[in-house]
Protein backbone atom coordinates (compact mmCIF):
# COMPACT_ATOMS: atom_id res chain seq x y z
CA UNK A 1 33.46 -37.08 32.44
CA UNK A 2 32.77 -34.81 29.47
CA UNK A 3 33.80 -37.53 27.06
CA UNK A 4 31.63 -40.05 28.91
CA UNK A 5 28.60 -37.78 28.67
CA UNK A 6 29.27 -37.33 24.96
CA UNK A 7 29.89 -40.99 24.11
CA UNK A 8 28.03 -42.88 26.85
CA UNK A 9 31.02 -45.20 27.35
CA UNK A 10 31.08 -46.74 30.87
CA UNK A 11 34.88 -47.06 30.72
CA UNK A 12 35.19 -43.28 30.72
CA UNK A 13 33.16 -42.98 33.93
CA UNK A 14 35.40 -45.61 35.52
CA UNK A 15 38.50 -43.70 34.38
CA UNK A 16 37.07 -40.48 35.82
CA UNK A 17 36.50 -42.29 39.10
CA UNK A 18 40.14 -43.47 39.19
CA UNK A 19 41.40 -39.97 38.43
CA UNK A 20 39.24 -38.45 41.17
CA UNK A 21 40.46 -40.98 43.74
CA UNK A 22 44.07 -40.17 42.80
CA UNK A 23 43.41 -36.45 43.21
CA UNK A 24 41.90 -37.05 46.66
CA UNK A 25 44.90 -39.12 47.75
CA UNK A 26 47.25 -36.38 46.56
CA UNK A 27 45.35 -33.58 48.34
CA UNK A 28 43.31 -35.15 51.15
CA UNK A 29 42.73 -31.89 53.00
CA UNK A 30 41.97 -29.76 49.98
CA UNK A 31 40.27 -32.26 47.71
CA UNK A 32 36.78 -30.75 47.42
CA UNK A 33 36.92 -30.77 43.63
CA UNK A 34 38.09 -34.37 43.72
CA UNK A 35 35.24 -35.44 45.99
CA UNK A 36 32.71 -33.69 43.77
CA UNK A 37 34.11 -35.35 40.66
CA UNK A 38 34.15 -38.72 42.41
CA UNK A 39 30.52 -38.32 43.44
CA UNK A 40 29.53 -37.46 39.87
CA UNK A 41 31.39 -40.46 38.47
CA UNK A 42 29.77 -42.80 40.99
CA UNK A 43 26.31 -41.34 40.33
CA UNK A 44 26.79 -41.91 36.61
CA UNK A 45 27.52 -45.56 37.38
CA UNK A 46 24.40 -45.78 39.60
CA UNK A 47 26.52 -46.48 42.68
CA UNK A 48 24.42 -44.18 44.80
CA UNK A 49 25.39 -45.31 48.30
CA UNK A 50 29.06 -44.78 47.44
CA UNK A 51 28.17 -41.43 45.88
CA UNK A 52 26.47 -40.42 49.13
CA UNK A 53 29.64 -41.24 51.06
CA UNK A 54 31.61 -39.06 48.63
CA UNK A 55 29.08 -36.25 49.06
CA UNK A 56 29.38 -36.53 52.84
CA UNK A 57 33.14 -36.09 52.52
CA UNK A 58 32.63 -33.08 50.25
CA UNK A 59 30.25 -31.43 52.73
CA UNK A 60 32.68 -32.14 55.58
CA UNK A 61 35.32 -30.12 53.71
CA UNK A 62 32.95 -27.31 52.65
CA UNK A 63 29.97 -27.32 55.04
CA UNK A 64 28.81 -23.84 54.01
CA UNK A 65 29.16 -24.32 50.26
CA UNK A 66 25.66 -24.46 48.70
CA UNK A 67 26.94 -26.42 45.69
CA UNK A 68 28.34 -29.10 47.99
CA UNK A 69 25.06 -29.28 49.90
CA UNK A 70 23.15 -29.51 46.62
CA UNK A 71 25.33 -32.40 45.46
CA UNK A 72 24.49 -34.35 48.61
CA UNK A 73 20.78 -33.52 48.30
CA UNK A 74 20.80 -34.76 44.70
CA UNK A 75 22.19 -38.14 45.76
CA UNK A 76 19.49 -38.45 48.42
CA UNK A 77 16.91 -37.69 45.75
CA UNK A 78 18.20 -40.40 43.42
CA UNK A 79 18.21 -42.90 46.28
CA UNK A 80 14.54 -42.15 46.92
CA UNK A 81 15.22 -40.75 50.39
CA UNK A 82 12.74 -37.99 49.66
CA UNK A 83 12.09 -36.70 53.18
CA UNK A 84 15.83 -36.12 53.70
CA UNK A 85 16.18 -34.63 50.21
CA UNK A 86 13.22 -32.29 50.82
CA UNK A 87 14.83 -30.89 53.97
CA UNK A 88 18.13 -30.36 52.19
CA UNK A 89 16.66 -28.67 49.14
CA UNK A 90 14.39 -26.43 51.19
CA UNK A 91 17.45 -25.18 53.06
CA UNK A 92 18.95 -24.21 49.67
CA UNK A 93 15.89 -22.42 48.34
CA UNK A 94 17.32 -18.91 48.68
CA UNK A 95 20.40 -20.03 46.71
CA UNK A 96 18.43 -21.82 44.00
CA UNK A 97 19.71 -19.55 41.22
CA UNK A 98 23.38 -20.32 41.95
CA UNK A 99 24.97 -22.15 39.00
CA UNK A 100 25.91 -25.20 41.07
CA UNK A 101 22.49 -25.39 42.69
CA UNK A 102 19.87 -24.51 40.06
CA UNK A 103 19.96 -27.71 37.99
CA UNK A 104 19.77 -29.87 41.12
CA UNK A 105 16.88 -27.92 42.65
CA UNK A 106 15.07 -28.14 39.30
CA UNK A 107 15.53 -31.90 39.35
CA UNK A 108 14.07 -32.01 42.88
CA UNK A 109 11.05 -29.97 41.78
CA UNK A 110 10.58 -32.29 38.80
CA UNK A 111 10.69 -35.47 40.88
CA UNK A 112 8.20 -34.00 43.35
CA UNK A 113 5.77 -33.13 40.54
CA UNK A 114 6.32 -29.36 40.55
CA UNK A 115 7.05 -29.12 36.85
CA UNK A 116 6.04 -25.51 36.25
CA UNK A 117 8.37 -24.33 39.01
CA UNK A 118 11.17 -26.48 37.65
CA UNK A 119 10.76 -24.98 34.18
CA UNK A 120 10.66 -21.42 35.54
CA UNK A 121 13.80 -22.02 37.59
CA UNK A 122 15.77 -23.39 34.65
CA UNK A 123 14.74 -20.48 32.44
CA UNK A 124 15.74 -17.98 35.12
CA UNK A 125 19.01 -19.72 35.90
CA UNK A 126 19.91 -19.93 32.22
CA UNK A 127 19.09 -16.25 31.78
CA UNK A 128 21.50 -15.29 34.56
CA UNK A 129 24.42 -17.13 33.02
CA UNK A 130 26.55 -15.65 30.28
CA UNK A 131 26.44 -18.00 27.32
CA UNK A 132 30.05 -17.14 26.52
CA UNK A 133 31.17 -18.46 29.91
CA UNK A 134 29.38 -21.79 29.59
CA UNK A 135 31.10 -24.72 27.87
CA UNK A 136 29.24 -26.03 24.85
CA UNK A 137 28.21 -29.26 26.58
CA UNK A 138 26.70 -27.32 29.49
CA UNK A 139 24.71 -25.08 27.14
CA UNK A 140 23.39 -28.23 25.47
CA UNK A 141 22.55 -29.71 28.89
CA UNK A 142 20.39 -26.69 29.76
CA UNK A 143 18.50 -27.09 26.48
CA UNK A 144 18.10 -30.81 27.10
CA UNK A 145 16.65 -30.32 30.57
CA UNK A 146 14.30 -27.54 29.42
CA UNK A 147 13.08 -29.78 26.61
CA UNK A 148 12.56 -32.77 28.89
CA UNK A 149 10.47 -30.72 31.29
CA UNK A 150 8.39 -29.30 28.43
CA UNK A 151 7.75 -32.83 27.13
CA UNK A 152 6.62 -33.95 30.56
CA UNK A 153 3.83 -31.37 30.61
CA UNK A 154 2.79 -32.17 27.03
CA UNK A 155 4.37 -29.10 25.46
CA UNK A 156 5.84 -31.12 22.60
CA UNK A 157 6.47 -28.19 20.26
CA UNK A 158 8.41 -26.35 22.98
CA UNK A 159 10.38 -29.51 23.73
CA UNK A 160 11.31 -29.87 20.06
CA UNK A 161 12.33 -26.21 19.89
CA UNK A 162 14.65 -26.59 22.88
CA UNK A 163 16.24 -29.75 21.50
CA UNK A 164 16.78 -28.21 18.07
CA UNK A 165 18.27 -25.04 19.56
CA UNK A 166 20.60 -27.22 21.57
CA UNK A 167 21.66 -29.04 18.41
CA UNK A 168 22.27 -25.72 16.68
CA UNK A 169 24.86 -25.02 19.38
CA UNK A 170 26.13 -28.60 19.64
CA UNK A 171 25.27 -30.55 16.47
CA UNK A 172 26.92 -33.79 17.58
CA UNK A 173 25.35 -34.01 21.03
CA UNK A 174 24.02 -37.56 21.25
CA UNK A 175 21.85 -36.77 24.27
CA UNK A 176 19.83 -34.21 22.29
CA UNK A 177 19.52 -36.54 19.31
CA UNK A 178 18.28 -39.29 21.63
CA UNK A 179 15.81 -36.91 23.26
CA UNK A 180 14.33 -36.04 19.87
CA UNK A 181 13.96 -39.75 19.14
CA UNK A 182 12.05 -40.28 22.40
CA UNK A 183 9.89 -37.23 21.73
CA UNK A 184 8.92 -38.44 18.26
CA UNK A 185 8.20 -41.94 19.61
CA UNK A 186 5.86 -40.47 22.22
CA UNK A 187 4.17 -38.39 19.52
CA UNK A 188 3.62 -41.49 17.42
CA UNK A 189 5.96 -40.25 14.67
CA UNK A 190 7.65 -43.62 14.39
CA UNK A 191 9.79 -43.15 11.29
CA UNK A 192 11.09 -39.84 12.60
CA UNK A 193 11.91 -41.53 15.91
CA UNK A 194 13.93 -44.15 14.05
CA UNK A 195 15.85 -41.53 12.05
CA UNK A 196 16.74 -39.54 15.18
CA UNK A 197 17.55 -42.70 17.12
CA UNK A 198 19.91 -43.96 14.42
CA UNK A 199 21.62 -40.55 14.40
CA UNK A 200 21.98 -40.70 18.18
CA UNK A 201 23.57 -44.15 18.40
CA UNK A 202 25.99 -43.19 15.63
CA UNK A 203 27.63 -40.77 18.08
CA UNK A 204 26.59 -42.12 21.48
CA UNK A 205 25.70 -45.77 21.87
CA UNK A 206 23.54 -46.22 24.96
CA UNK A 207 20.89 -48.66 26.09
CA UNK A 208 18.16 -46.05 26.47
CA UNK A 209 18.30 -45.08 22.79
CA UNK A 210 18.48 -48.73 21.76
CA UNK A 211 15.28 -49.19 23.75
CA UNK A 212 13.65 -46.28 21.95
CA UNK A 213 14.56 -47.83 18.60
CA UNK A 214 13.31 -51.25 19.67
CA UNK A 215 9.94 -49.83 20.67
CA UNK A 216 9.67 -47.76 17.49
CA UNK A 217 10.26 -50.82 15.31
CA UNK A 218 7.73 -52.83 17.34
CA UNK A 219 5.13 -50.16 16.75
CA UNK A 220 6.01 -49.99 13.04
CA UNK A 221 5.32 -53.71 12.93
CA UNK A 222 8.84 -54.95 12.16
CA UNK A 223 9.37 -57.39 15.01
CA UNK A 224 12.61 -58.77 13.51
CA UNK A 225 14.35 -55.39 13.66
CA UNK A 226 12.90 -54.73 17.09
CA UNK A 227 14.36 -57.98 18.37
CA UNK A 228 17.75 -57.03 16.95
CA UNK A 229 17.72 -53.97 19.19
CA UNK A 230 16.45 -56.03 22.12
CA UNK A 231 19.43 -58.34 21.59
CA UNK A 232 21.82 -55.37 21.47
CA UNK A 233 20.43 -54.16 24.81
CA UNK A 234 20.95 -57.61 26.33
CA UNK A 235 24.50 -57.74 24.94
CA UNK A 236 25.31 -54.48 26.75
CA UNK A 237 24.02 -55.80 30.08
CA UNK A 238 20.28 -55.46 29.69
CA UNK A 239 18.32 -55.96 32.88
CA UNK A 240 21.36 -57.18 34.79
CA UNK A 241 23.12 -53.84 35.16
CA UNK A 242 22.28 -51.19 37.79
CA UNK A 243 20.27 -48.37 36.28
CA UNK A 244 18.93 -50.43 33.37
CA UNK A 245 16.57 -48.61 31.02
CA UNK A 246 13.20 -48.45 32.75
CA UNK A 247 11.33 -47.27 29.68
CA UNK A 248 12.42 -50.39 27.82
CA UNK A 249 11.55 -52.55 30.83
CA UNK A 250 8.08 -51.02 30.91
CA UNK A 251 7.73 -51.61 27.18
CA UNK A 252 8.60 -55.28 27.68
CA UNK A 253 5.91 -55.51 30.35
CA UNK A 254 3.36 -53.85 28.09
CA UNK A 255 4.17 -56.39 25.37
CA UNK A 256 3.86 -59.21 27.90
CA UNK A 257 7.45 -60.28 27.32
CA UNK A 258 10.01 -61.38 29.93
CA UNK A 259 7.67 -60.32 32.71
CA UNK A 260 9.38 -62.49 35.34
CA UNK A 261 12.82 -61.18 34.33
CA UNK A 262 11.70 -57.56 34.53
CA UNK A 263 9.98 -58.17 37.86
CA UNK A 264 13.12 -59.75 39.31
CA UNK A 265 15.31 -56.87 38.11
CA UNK A 266 12.86 -54.28 39.46
CA UNK A 267 12.67 -55.89 42.91
CA UNK A 268 16.47 -56.10 43.01
CA UNK A 269 16.76 -52.41 42.14
CA UNK A 270 14.23 -51.52 44.84
CA UNK A 271 16.44 -53.01 47.54
CA UNK A 272 19.05 -50.33 46.82
CA UNK A 273 17.03 -47.45 45.42
CA UNK A 274 13.48 -46.57 46.46
CA UNK A 275 12.86 -43.75 44.05
CA UNK A 276 9.67 -43.00 42.14
CA UNK A 277 10.80 -44.61 38.89
CA UNK A 278 11.77 -47.86 40.59
CA UNK A 279 8.53 -47.96 42.56
CA UNK A 280 6.55 -47.50 39.35
CA UNK A 281 8.40 -50.31 37.59
CA UNK A 282 7.98 -52.60 40.60
CA UNK A 283 4.26 -51.78 40.74
CA UNK A 284 3.71 -52.41 37.02
CA UNK A 285 5.65 -55.68 37.06
CA UNK A 286 3.69 -56.91 40.08
CA UNK A 287 0.50 -55.93 38.27
CA UNK A 288 1.54 -57.90 35.21
CA UNK A 289 2.14 -60.91 37.45
CA UNK A 290 -1.35 -60.54 38.94
CA UNK A 291 -0.11 -59.40 42.36
CA UNK A 292 -2.65 -56.60 42.64
CA UNK A 293 -2.43 -55.65 46.38
CA UNK A 294 1.38 -55.58 46.26
CA UNK A 295 1.26 -53.52 43.07
CA UNK A 296 -1.18 -51.06 44.66
CA UNK A 297 1.12 -50.55 47.66
CA UNK A 298 4.07 -49.68 45.42
CA UNK A 299 2.19 -47.37 43.04
CA UNK A 300 0.49 -45.55 45.93
CA UNK A 301 3.89 -44.83 47.44
CA UNK A 302 5.18 -43.52 44.11
CA UNK A 303 2.16 -41.24 43.59
CA UNK A 304 2.44 -39.95 47.14
CA UNK A 305 5.87 -38.55 46.27
CA UNK A 306 4.92 -37.32 42.79
CA UNK A 307 1.17 -36.76 42.47
CA UNK A 308 1.42 -35.02 39.08
CA UNK A 309 3.20 -37.59 36.90
CA UNK A 310 0.84 -38.70 34.12
CA UNK A 311 2.35 -42.17 33.69
CA UNK A 312 2.14 -42.86 37.43
CA UNK A 313 -1.48 -41.79 37.48
CA UNK A 314 -2.34 -44.03 34.50
CA UNK A 315 -0.66 -46.99 36.14
CA UNK A 316 -2.41 -46.32 39.44
CA UNK A 317 -5.80 -46.16 37.75
CA UNK A 318 -5.24 -49.50 36.04
CA UNK A 319 -3.90 -51.18 39.17
CA UNK A 320 -6.73 -49.96 41.38
CA UNK A 321 -9.24 -51.17 38.80
CA UNK A 322 -8.01 -54.57 39.96
CA UNK A 323 -8.06 -56.27 36.59
CA UNK A 324 -4.85 -58.16 35.98
CA UNK A 325 -3.76 -58.24 32.32
């Protein structure tokens, strides 16, 4: 799992899944660690219903363990079962600073639009942990999450500081390099985005960073290079794989390209996962197809769950204006 997070290679997640299943078979009555590892491996492969079954087995073994309960709540969150996730996370509120709980509660707060609380929780949780006891990849993960939350509220300088501090501790962390590429793209610093993106894919080849590079080259005005990255994304599965890159899919819609393909992929994803990000993509693809009432229904549902997300609010404003592109 650590190698998979570092390299982004799907084969490593599959190998982790096989190892976890073997551990569970060997120790069926005492396999809590195996069930937790299995759930993480399945989540990483976007097999959320299977991950929920693994989380149920984990909770059955350790019904009073807050980390086990947080794992299950996180899967519910990713599935878009927000009412169930809300109940679970509220029951964990008093344990929110526990190491196995804090990151998951912060993710819940983020998805529900409570970004300031999420940032405060991560800072407090990180402050309670001894840096010497945390593996390097986990220290980098804390920096990554703090930076992502800062970027979401428009605190770009703070986001950059967190990412750079993470790289000071873990210079070859591809996730942090990719995050800097996305940050610079959003700032409009296109050449910097390309430099960071190239550095990221040199150590961790993933579709999300390829999408960042494609969009950066489009905005630079080099459509040939942008299409090379589009082709690389398609070669790695593109819109056909579960958990495809939504940012890239939205960029395709904004460019008016492959609208029907994106719409089909988004509707397929919605059948299995009704989370805010999927609802937004479905709404925007319907909008681009001129299906205004259907788009409004999807974006209204997304905003109901997260009323603070700036992208959702921009999309809702455009959709409710009723002017198809």
